[in-house]
Amino acid sequence: MSKILPIITKEQFVEIINLIQKQSEKDNKFADFMENYLDGRFVPTMNDYNGLVIEKLLNIIFDDIEPDKYDITWFSWFCYENEFGKRRMSCRLNEIEYVISNAEEFYDFMILWMNIPKEK
């Protein structure tokens, strides 16, 4: 069986992840700044529909459509649980543990994910 490859390169993927990370950092800085003035009463959040569209497209590209029992996809795990790799969290796939500490490693992991047989 030949290896399935995504329609985007590792370089394109890393660029997308870096842009998402920059926007996330700006959003967090804005919320922190507003906290100084609102004293914990209400920190505004904005719906990030563009981010949701990008996430959905990446989930489709990497066959990561079905969230797990905690309603998390690999993409959301990497970005928000693993903080874009800063936490150096690990995950298991086919009894092998992978430490994911950056977007390049996450891309390589997602290639592996795409190529394991899924139950339909």
Protein backbone atom coordinates (compact mmCIF):
# COMPACT_ATOMS: atom_id res chain seq x y z
CA MET A 1 0.00 0.00 0.00
CA SER A 2 1.43 3.38 -0.96
CA LYS A 3 1.78 6.16 1.56
CA ILE A 4 -0.95 8.81 1.57
CA LEU A 5 0.44 12.35 1.53
CA PRO A 6 -1.47 15.57 2.27
CA ILE A 7 -2.09 18.21 -0.36
CA ILE A 8 0.09 20.72 1.49
CA THR A 9 3.81 20.57 2.09
CA LYS A 10 5.47 20.61 5.48
CA GLU A 11 6.65 24.17 4.80
CA GLN A 12 3.11 25.35 3.97
CA PHE A 13 1.75 23.59 7.05
CA VAL A 14 4.37 25.16 9.34
CA GLU A 15 3.62 28.60 7.90
CA ILE A 16 -0.11 28.13 8.61
CA ILE A 17 0.56 26.90 12.16
CA ASN A 18 2.91 29.84 12.80
CA LEU A 19 0.23 32.31 11.66
CA ILE A 20 -2.38 30.65 13.87
CA GLN A 21 0.04 30.78 16.80
CA LYS A 22 0.74 34.49 16.25
CA GLN A 23 -2.99 35.27 16.18
CA SER A 24 -3.56 33.19 19.31
CA GLU A 25 -0.78 35.08 21.12
CA LYS A 26 -2.30 38.43 20.08
CA ASP A 27 -5.73 37.32 21.28
CA ASN A 28 -4.27 36.27 24.64
CA LYS A 29 -2.38 39.57 25.02
CA PHE A 30 -5.58 41.49 24.26
CA ALA A 31 -7.53 39.49 26.85
CA ASP A 32 -4.77 40.06 29.43
CA PHE A 33 -4.74 43.78 28.66
CA MET A 34 -8.52 44.05 28.99
CA GLU A 35 -8.40 42.16 32.29
CA ASN A 36 -6.53 45.14 33.78
CA TYR A 37 -9.51 47.39 33.05
CA LEU A 38 -12.37 45.00 33.64
CA ASP A 39 -11.06 43.50 36.87
CA GLY A 40 -12.21 39.95 36.14
CA ARG A 41 -15.83 40.93 35.52
CA PHE A 42 -15.88 40.31 31.80
CA VAL A 43 -13.09 39.58 29.38
CA PRO A 44 -14.42 39.89 25.85
CA THR A 45 -13.85 37.06 23.44
CA MET A 46 -14.31 37.30 19.73
CA ASN A 47 -15.54 34.47 17.57
CA ASP A 48 -12.68 33.44 15.34
CA TYR A 49 -14.55 32.10 12.35
CA ASN A 50 -11.46 32.35 10.14
CA GLY A 51 -9.53 30.21 12.60
CA LEU A 52 -12.36 27.69 12.72
CA VAL A 53 -12.37 27.46 8.92
CA ILE A 54 -8.61 26.86 8.83
CA GLU A 55 -8.88 24.25 11.57
CA LYS A 56 -11.70 22.47 9.74
CA LEU A 57 -9.73 22.44 6.48
CA LEU A 58 -6.62 21.03 8.18
CA ASN A 59 -8.75 18.39 9.89
CA ILE A 60 -10.14 17.34 6.50
CA ILE A 61 -6.72 17.36 4.82
CA PHE A 62 -5.21 15.15 7.52
CA ASP A 63 -8.24 12.86 7.97
CA ASP A 64 -8.73 14.12 11.52
CA ILE A 65 -12.44 14.75 11.21
CA GLU A 66 -13.79 12.77 14.17
CA PRO A 67 -12.91 14.28 17.57
CA ASP A 68 -12.10 11.94 20.44
CA LYS A 69 -14.30 11.30 23.46
CA TYR A 70 -13.20 14.68 24.88
CA ASP A 71 -14.26 16.46 21.64
CA ILE A 72 -10.63 17.12 20.67
CA THR A 73 -8.94 16.59 17.32
CA TRP A 74 -5.18 16.25 16.92
CA PHE A 75 -5.05 19.82 15.60
CA SER A 76 -6.76 21.31 18.64
CA TRP A 77 -4.63 19.12 20.92
CA PHE A 78 -1.43 20.45 19.33
CA CYS A 79 -2.48 24.11 19.31
CA TYR A 80 -4.27 24.45 22.61
CA GLU A 81 -3.38 21.53 24.89
CA ASN A 82 0.25 21.28 23.81
CA GLU A 83 0.50 25.07 23.28
CA PHE A 84 1.93 24.73 19.76
CA GLY A 85 4.55 22.29 21.08
CA LYS A 86 5.81 24.45 23.96
CA ARG A 87 4.68 21.86 26.53
CA ARG A 88 6.47 19.04 24.64
CA MET A 89 3.56 16.71 25.28
CA SER A 90 3.60 13.17 24.00
CA CYS A 91 0.99 10.98 22.39
CA ARG A 92 0.80 7.35 21.38
CA LEU A 93 0.06 5.88 18.01
CA ASN A 94 0.33 2.15 17.34
CA GLU A 95 1.99 1.65 20.73
CA ILE A 96 4.76 4.14 19.88
CA GLU A 97 5.15 7.33 21.90
CA TYR A 98 5.82 10.58 20.02
CA VAL A 99 6.92 13.80 21.69
CA ILE A 100 5.57 16.75 19.71
CA SER A 101 7.52 19.96 20.35
CA ASN A 102 7.04 21.93 17.12
CA ALA A 103 4.96 22.20 13.96
CA GLU A 104 7.44 20.12 11.92
CA GLU A 105 7.14 17.17 14.32
CA PHE A 106 3.39 17.60 14.38
CA TYR A 107 3.26 17.46 10.56
CA ASP A 108 5.31 14.25 10.56
CA PHE A 109 2.99 12.78 13.19
CA MET A 110 -0.07 13.72 11.13
CA ILE A 111 1.40 11.90 8.11
CA LEU A 112 1.59 8.79 10.30
CA TRP A 113 -1.98 9.42 11.50
CA MET A 114 -3.26 9.71 7.93
CA ASN A 115 -1.75 6.38 7.02
CA ILE A 116 -3.16 4.17 9.75
CA PRO A 117 -6.31 2.27 8.84
CA LYS A 118 -9.42 3.87 10.31
CA GLU A 119 -12.61 2.11 11.24
CA LYS A 120 -15.48 3.47 9.20
